[in-house]
Amino acid sequence: MALGNILSILDWLKNKLPIPNRVEGIKNTIDKLERERNEILLHKAEIKSANRLTIIDKQLLDLRKRMQNLASD
């Protein structure tokens, strides 16, 4: 009986909390990284920002591949 109540509460919470699904999370991350990349490109180039751009580009490439794989499934 108690386990059933706990499960029903957890199910209710799952429906009420704004937990994004995987695709939405990936899209949000891509948007965030693109905004950061564009912000870096507006400023004078430095070694630190160039290194960060390299990391961002690799992450964006990986995330876009994941989106393509999810779309093809």
PDB file of N, CA and C in Angstrom:
ATOM      1  N   MET A   1       0.828  -1.193   0.000  1.00  0.00           N
ATOM      2  CA  MET A   1       0.000   0.000   0.000  1.00  0.00           C
ATOM      3  C   MET A   1       0.874   1.260   0.000  1.00  0.00           C
ATOM      4  N   ALA A   2       1.860   1.309   0.849  1.00  0.00           N
ATOM      5  CA  ALA A   2       2.712   2.494   0.937  1.00  0.00           C
ATOM      6  C   ALA A   2       3.521   2.676  -0.344  1.00  0.00           C
ATOM      7  N   LEU A   3       3.949   1.553  -0.924  1.00  0.00           N
ATOM      8  CA  LEU A   3       4.721   1.631  -2.162  1.00  0.00           C
ATOM      9  C   LEU A   3       3.857   2.194  -3.295  1.00  0.00           C
ATOM     10  N   GLY A   4       2.631   1.822  -3.342  1.00  0.00           N
ATOM     11  CA  GLY A   4       1.711   2.346  -4.351  1.00  0.00           C
ATOM     12  C   GLY A   4       1.505   3.843  -4.199  1.00  0.00           C
ATOM     13  N   ASN A   5       1.403   4.300  -2.956  1.00  0.00           N
ATOM     14  CA  ASN A   5       1.245   5.740  -2.712  1.00  0.00           C
ATOM     15  C   ASN A   5       2.493   6.506  -3.141  1.00  0.00           C
ATOM     16  N   ILE A   6       3.643   5.957  -2.825  1.00  0.00           N
ATOM     17  CA  ILE A   6       4.900   6.605  -3.202  1.00  0.00           C
ATOM     18  C   ILE A   6       5.017   6.684  -4.721  1.00  0.00           C
ATOM     19  N   LEU A   7       4.675   5.589  -5.403  1.00  0.00           N
ATOM     20  CA  LEU A   7       4.746   5.584  -6.863  1.00  0.00           C
ATOM     21  C   LEU A   7       3.768   6.568  -7.488  1.00  0.00           C
ATOM     22  N   SER A   8       2.585   6.681  -6.917  1.00  0.00           N
ATOM     23  CA  SER A   8       1.615   7.634  -7.459  1.00  0.00           C
ATOM     24  C   SER A   8       2.081   9.072  -7.231  1.00  0.00           C
ATOM     25  N   ILE A   9       2.722   9.349  -6.117  1.00  0.00           N
ATOM     26  CA  ILE A   9       3.263  10.682  -5.853  1.00  0.00           C
ATOM     27  C   ILE A   9       4.389  10.991  -6.829  1.00  0.00           C
ATOM     28  N   LEU A  10       5.271  10.015  -7.050  1.00  0.00           N
ATOM     29  CA  LEU A  10       6.374  10.219  -7.991  1.00  0.00           C
ATOM     30  C   LEU A  10       5.854  10.435  -9.411  1.00  0.00           C
ATOM     31  N   ASP A  11       4.825   9.702  -9.789  1.00  0.00           N
ATOM     32  CA  ASP A  11       4.226   9.870 -11.110  1.00  0.00           C
ATOM     33  C   ASP A  11       3.607  11.254 -11.245  1.00  0.00           C
ATOM     34  N   TRP A  12       2.937  11.720 -10.210  1.00  0.00           N
ATOM     35  CA  TRP A  12       2.349  13.050 -10.210  1.00  0.00           C
ATOM     36  C   TRP A  12       3.434  14.113 -10.337  1.00  0.00           C
ATOM     37  N   LEU A  13       4.542  13.955  -9.587  1.00  0.00           N
ATOM     38  CA  LEU A  13       5.652  14.905  -9.650  1.00  0.00           C
ATOM     39  C   LEU A  13       6.288  14.928 -11.041  1.00  0.00           C
ATOM     40  N   LYS A  14       6.429  13.755 -11.633  1.00  0.00           N
ATOM     41  CA  LYS A  14       7.022  13.660 -12.969  1.00  0.00           C
ATOM     42  C   LYS A  14       6.221  14.484 -13.972  1.00  0.00           C
ATOM     43  N   ASN A  15       4.915  14.468 -13.851  1.00  0.00           N
ATOM     44  CA  ASN A  15       4.068  15.219 -14.775  1.00  0.00           C
ATOM     45  C   ASN A  15       4.066  16.712 -14.477  1.00  0.00           C
ATOM     46  N   LYS A  16       4.341  17.105 -13.240  1.00  0.00           N
ATOM     47  CA  LYS A  16       4.282  18.508 -12.848  1.00  0.00           C
ATOM     48  C   LYS A  16       5.606  19.242 -13.035  1.00  0.00           C
ATOM     49  N   LEU A  17       6.731  18.557 -12.893  1.00  0.00           N
ATOM     50  CA  LEU A  17       8.028  19.215 -12.981  1.00  0.00           C
ATOM     51  C   LEU A  17       8.399  19.472 -14.435  1.00  0.00           C
ATOM     52  N   PRO A  18       9.001  20.627 -14.710  1.00  0.00           N
ATOM     53  CA  PRO A  18       9.393  20.945 -16.087  1.00  0.00           C
ATOM     54  C   PRO A  18      10.734  20.306 -16.457  1.00  0.00           C
ATOM     55  N   ILE A  19      10.745  18.999 -16.571  1.00  0.00           N
ATOM     56  CA  ILE A  19      11.967  18.281 -16.931  1.00  0.00           C
ATOM     57  C   ILE A  19      11.980  18.125 -18.446  1.00  0.00           C
ATOM     58  N   PRO A  20      12.967  18.766 -19.112  1.00  0.00           N
ATOM     59  CA  PRO A  20      12.996  18.647 -20.569  1.00  0.00           C
ATOM     60  C   PRO A  20      13.436  17.253 -20.994  1.00  0.00           C
ATOM     61  N   ASN A  21      12.904  16.822 -22.116  1.00  0.00           N
ATOM     62  CA  ASN A  21      13.342  15.522 -22.603  1.00  0.00           C
ATOM     63  C   ASN A  21      14.715  15.664 -23.243  1.00  0.00           C
ATOM     64  N   ARG A  22      15.262  14.585 -23.704  1.00  0.00           N
ATOM     65  CA  ARG A  22      16.618  14.573 -24.231  1.00  0.00           C
ATOM     66  C   ARG A  22      16.801  15.521 -25.400  1.00  0.00           C
ATOM     67  N   VAL A  23      15.870  15.516 -26.323  1.00  0.00           N
ATOM     68  CA  VAL A  23      15.986  16.354 -27.520  1.00  0.00           C
ATOM     69  C   VAL A  23      15.959  17.831 -27.141  1.00  0.00           C
ATOM     70  N   GLU A  24      15.047  18.201 -26.255  1.00  0.00           N
ATOM     71  CA  GLU A  24      14.972  19.590 -25.816  1.00  0.00           C
ATOM     72  C   GLU A  24      16.250  19.999 -25.095  1.00  0.00           C
ATOM     73  N   GLY A  25      16.789  19.121 -24.291  1.00  0.00           N
ATOM     74  CA  GLY A  25      18.032  19.411 -23.589  1.00  0.00           C
ATOM     75  C   GLY A  25      19.182  19.630 -24.550  1.00  0.00           C
ATOM     76  N   ILE A  26      19.244  18.808 -25.588  1.00  0.00           N
ATOM     77  CA  ILE A  26      20.306  18.956 -26.591  1.00  0.00           C
ATOM     78  C   ILE A  26      20.125  20.278 -27.340  1.00  0.00           C
ATOM     79  N   LYS A  27      18.890  20.597 -27.712  1.00  0.00           N
ATOM     80  CA  LYS A  27      18.629  21.858 -28.417  1.00  0.00           C
ATOM     81  C   LYS A  27      19.002  23.053 -27.544  1.00  0.00           C
ATOM     82  N   ASN A  28      18.663  22.996 -26.272  1.00  0.00           N
ATOM     83  CA  ASN A  28      19.000  24.087 -25.360  1.00  0.00           C
ATOM     84  C   ASN A  28      20.511  24.248 -25.237  1.00  0.00           C
ATOM     85  N   THR A  29      21.223  23.142 -25.168  1.00  0.00           N
ATOM     86  CA  THR A  29      22.680  23.192 -25.075  1.00  0.00           C
ATOM     87  C   THR A  29      23.286  23.766 -26.342  1.00  0.00           C
ATOM     88  N   ILE A  30      22.760  23.367 -27.493  1.00  0.00           N
ATOM     89  CA  ILE A  30      23.242  23.908 -28.764  1.00  0.00           C
ATOM     90  C   ILE A  30      23.021  25.416 -28.815  1.00  0.00           C
ATOM     91  N   ASP A  31      21.840  25.869 -28.426  1.00  0.00           N
ATOM     92  CA  ASP A  31      21.548  27.307 -28.426  1.00  0.00           C
ATOM     93  C   ASP A  31      22.504  28.061 -27.506  1.00  0.00           C
ATOM     94  N   LYS A  32      22.733  27.514 -26.316  1.00  0.00           N
ATOM     95  CA  LYS A  32      23.622  28.160 -25.352  1.00  0.00           C
ATOM     96  C   LYS A  32      25.039  28.263 -25.902  1.00  0.00           C
ATOM     97  N   LEU A  33      25.532  27.179 -26.489  1.00  0.00           N
ATOM     98  CA  LEU A  33      26.882  27.178 -27.038  1.00  0.00           C
ATOM     99  C   LEU A  33      27.006  28.125 -28.228  1.00  0.00           C
ATOM    100  N   GLU A  34      25.976  28.193 -29.071  1.00  0.00           N
ATOM    101  CA  GLU A  34      26.016  29.110 -30.209  1.00  0.00           C
ATOM    102  C   GLU A  34      26.029  30.564 -29.752  1.00  0.00           C
ATOM    103  N   ARG A  35      25.255  30.878 -28.717  1.00  0.00           N
ATOM    104  CA  ARG A  35      25.274  32.244 -28.177  1.00  0.00           C
ATOM    105  C   ARG A  35      26.647  32.581 -27.610  1.00  0.00           C
ATOM    106  N   GLU A  36      27.230  31.637 -26.861  1.00  0.00           N
ATOM    107  CA  GLU A  36      28.561  31.861 -26.299  1.00  0.00           C
ATOM    108  C   GLU A  36      29.597  32.033 -27.407  1.00  0.00           C
ATOM    109  N   ARG A  37      29.497  31.224 -28.445  1.00  0.00           N
ATOM    110  CA  ARG A  37      30.433  31.300 -29.572  1.00  0.00           C
ATOM    111  C   ARG A  37      30.332  32.653 -30.264  1.00  0.00           C
ATOM    112  N   ASN A  38      29.108  33.107 -30.509  1.00  0.00           N
ATOM    113  CA  ASN A  38      28.909  34.402 -31.155  1.00  0.00           C
ATOM    114  C   ASN A  38      29.427  35.546 -30.293  1.00  0.00           C
ATOM    115  N   GLU A  39      29.259  35.439 -29.002  1.00  0.00           N
ATOM    116  CA  GLU A  39      29.767  36.458 -28.074  1.00  0.00           C
ATOM    117  C   GLU A  39      31.292  36.516 -28.118  1.00  0.00           C
ATOM    118  N   ILE A  40      31.931  35.362 -28.169  1.00  0.00           N
ATOM    119  CA  ILE A  40      33.391  35.317 -28.239  1.00  0.00           C
ATOM    120  C   ILE A  40      33.884  35.925 -29.545  1.00  0.00           C
ATOM    121  N   LEU A  41      33.170  35.642 -30.636  1.00  0.00           N
ATOM    122  CA  LEU A  41      33.587  36.150 -31.944  1.00  0.00           C
ATOM    123  C   LEU A  41      33.476  37.672 -32.064  1.00  0.00           C
ATOM    124  N   LEU A  42      32.683  38.303 -31.206  1.00  0.00           N
ATOM    125  CA  LEU A  42      32.542  39.750 -31.243  1.00  0.00           C
ATOM    126  C   LEU A  42      33.758  40.473 -30.681  1.00  0.00           C
ATOM    127  N   HIS A  43      34.530  39.793 -29.850  1.00  0.00           N
ATOM    128  CA  HIS A  43      35.656  40.430 -29.168  1.00  0.00           C
ATOM    129  C   HIS A  43      36.980  40.115 -29.860  1.00  0.00           C
ATOM    130  N   LYS A  44      37.989  40.833 -29.430  1.00  0.00           N
ATOM    131  CA  LYS A  44      39.334  40.641 -29.971  1.00  0.00           C
ATOM    132  C   LYS A  44      39.816  39.223 -29.674  1.00  0.00           C
ATOM    133  N   ALA A  45      40.476  38.623 -30.657  1.00  0.00           N
ATOM    134  CA  ALA A  45      40.937  37.240 -30.519  1.00  0.00           C
ATOM    135  C   ALA A  45      42.098  37.141 -29.528  1.00  0.00           C
ATOM    136  N   GLU A  46      42.011  36.191 -28.652  1.00  0.00           N
ATOM    137  CA  GLU A  46      43.069  35.878 -27.697  1.00  0.00           C
ATOM    138  C   GLU A  46      43.242  34.367 -27.679  1.00  0.00           C
ATOM    139  N   ILE A  47      44.326  33.910 -27.119  1.00  0.00           N
ATOM    140  CA  ILE A  47      44.597  32.460 -27.060  1.00  0.00           C
ATOM    141  C   ILE A  47      43.513  31.747 -26.265  1.00  0.00           C
ATOM    142  N   LYS A  48      43.135  32.338 -25.142  1.00  0.00           N
ATOM    143  CA  LYS A  48      42.129  31.709 -24.283  1.00  0.00           C
ATOM    144  C   LYS A  48      40.791  31.573 -25.020  1.00  0.00           C
ATOM    145  N   SER A  49      40.386  32.640 -25.716  1.00  0.00           N
ATOM    146  CA  SER A  49      39.106  32.584 -26.433  1.00  0.00           C
ATOM    147  C   SER A  49      39.191  31.655 -27.642  1.00  0.00           C
ATOM    148  N   ALA A  50      40.363  31.582 -28.282  1.00  0.00           N
ATOM    149  CA  ALA A  50      40.533  30.650 -29.407  1.00  0.00           C
ATOM    150  C   ALA A  50      40.423  29.209 -28.937  1.00  0.00           C
ATOM    151  N   ASN A  51      40.994  28.920 -27.784  1.00  0.00           N
ATOM    152  CA  ASN A  51      40.887  27.570 -27.213  1.00  0.00           C
ATOM    153  C   ASN A  51      39.440  27.241 -26.877  1.00  0.00           C
ATOM    154  N   ARG A  52      38.728  28.211 -26.317  1.00  0.00           N
ATOM    155  CA  ARG A  52      37.323  27.989 -25.976  1.00  0.00           C
ATOM    156  C   ARG A  52      36.494  27.770 -27.245  1.00  0.00           C
ATOM    157  N   LEU A  53      36.795  28.513 -28.309  1.00  0.00           N
ATOM    158  CA  LEU A  53      36.072  28.322 -29.575  1.00  0.00           C
ATOM    159  C   LEU A  53      36.284  26.915 -30.119  1.00  0.00           C
ATOM    160  N   THR A  54      37.491  26.405 -29.992  1.00  0.00           N
ATOM    161  CA  THR A  54      37.774  25.046 -30.448  1.00  0.00           C
ATOM    162  C   THR A  54      36.929  24.036 -29.678  1.00  0.00           C
ATOM    163  N   ILE A  55      36.848  24.222 -28.374  1.00  0.00           N
ATOM    164  CA  ILE A  55      36.051  23.316 -27.531  1.00  0.00           C
ATOM    165  C   ILE A  55      34.569  23.418 -27.902  1.00  0.00           C
ATOM    166  N   ILE A  56      34.087  24.648 -28.069  1.00  0.00           N
ATOM    167  CA  ILE A  56      32.677  24.851 -28.423  1.00  0.00           C
ATOM    168  C   ILE A  56      32.365  24.207 -29.768  1.00  0.00           C
ATOM    169  N   ASP A  57      33.243  24.388 -30.747  1.00  0.00           N
ATOM    170  CA  ASP A  57      33.002  23.800 -32.068  1.00  0.00           C
ATOM    171  C   ASP A  57      32.936  22.277 -32.000  1.00  0.00           C
ATOM    172  N   LYS A  58      33.803  21.664 -31.199  1.00  0.00           N
ATOM    173  CA  LYS A  58      33.770  20.205 -31.043  1.00  0.00           C
ATOM    174  C   LYS A  58      32.476  19.755 -30.376  1.00  0.00           C
ATOM    175  N   GLN A  59      32.053  20.494 -29.350  1.00  0.00           N
ATOM    176  CA  GLN A  59      30.814  20.139 -28.668  1.00  0.00           C
ATOM    177  C   GLN A  59      29.613  20.294 -29.591  1.00  0.00           C
ATOM    178  N   LEU A  60      29.599  21.390 -30.369  1.00  0.00           N
ATOM    179  CA  LEU A  60      28.487  21.602 -31.304  1.00  0.00           C
ATOM    180  C   LEU A  60      28.431  20.499 -32.352  1.00  0.00           C
ATOM    181  N   LEU A  61      29.577  20.103 -32.865  1.00  0.00           N
ATOM    182  CA  LEU A  61      29.628  19.022 -33.847  1.00  0.00           C
ATOM    183  C   LEU A  61      29.057  17.735 -33.253  1.00  0.00           C
ATOM    184  N   ASP A  62      29.468  17.422 -32.032  1.00  0.00           N
ATOM    185  CA  ASP A  62      28.984  16.215 -31.357  1.00  0.00           C
ATOM    186  C   ASP A  62      27.476  16.280 -31.117  1.00  0.00           C
ATOM    187  N   LEU A  63      27.001  17.413 -30.628  1.00  0.00           N
ATOM    188  CA  LEU A  63      25.568  17.546 -30.346  1.00  0.00           C
ATOM    189  C   LEU A  63      24.726  17.488 -31.618  1.00  0.00           C
ATOM    190  N   ARG A  64      25.211  18.089 -32.691  1.00  0.00           N
ATOM    191  CA  ARG A  64      24.460  18.037 -33.952  1.00  0.00           C
ATOM    192  C   ARG A  64      24.410  16.623 -34.513  1.00  0.00           C
ATOM    193  N   LYS A  65      25.499  15.867 -34.342  1.00  0.00           N
ATOM    194  CA  LYS A  65      25.487  14.462 -34.759  1.00  0.00           C
ATOM    195  C   LYS A  65      24.475  13.671 -33.939  1.00  0.00           C
ATOM    196  N   ARG A  66      24.427  13.946 -32.645  1.00  0.00           N
ATOM    197  CA  ARG A  66      23.453  13.260 -31.793  1.00  0.00           C
ATOM    198  C   ARG A  66      22.031  13.592 -32.220  1.00  0.00           C
ATOM    199  N   MET A  67      21.783  14.854 -32.580  1.00  0.00           N
ATOM    200  CA  MET A  67      20.448  15.238 -33.050  1.00  0.00           C
ATOM    201  C   MET A  67      20.097  14.501 -34.345  1.00  0.00           C
ATOM    202  N   GLN A  68      21.053  14.378 -35.262  1.00  0.00           N
ATOM    203  CA  GLN A  68      20.804  13.649 -36.500  1.00  0.00           C
ATOM    204  C   GLN A  68      20.514  12.182 -36.206  1.00  0.00           C
ATOM    205  N   ASN A  69      21.250  11.596 -35.282  1.00  0.00           N
ATOM    206  CA  ASN A  69      21.020  10.194 -34.937  1.00  0.00           C
ATOM    207  C   ASN A  69      19.648  10.008 -34.304  1.00  0.00           C
ATOM    208  N   LEU A  70      19.235  10.943 -33.462  1.00  0.00           N
ATOM    209  CA  LEU A  70      17.918  10.837 -32.848  1.00  0.00           C
ATOM    210  C   LEU A  70      16.818  11.013 -33.895  1.00  0.00           C
ATOM    211  N   ALA A  71      17.062  11.873 -34.881  1.00  0.00           N
ATOM    212  CA  ALA A  71      16.057  12.097 -35.922  1.00  0.00           C
ATOM    213  C   ALA A  71      15.922  10.876 -36.839  1.00  0.00           C
ATOM    214  N   SER A  72      17.029  10.164 -37.032  1.00  0.00           N
ATOM    215  CA  SER A  72      16.985   9.015 -37.932  1.00  0.00           C
ATOM    216  C   SER A  72      16.440   7.763 -37.253  1.00  0.00           C
ATOM    217  N   ASP A  73      16.354   7.772 -35.934  1.00  0.00           N
ATOM    218  CA  ASP A  73      15.811   6.607 -35.205  1.00  0.00           C
ATOM    219  C   ASP A  73      14.327   6.491 -35.321  1.00  0.00           C
TER     220      ASP A  73
END
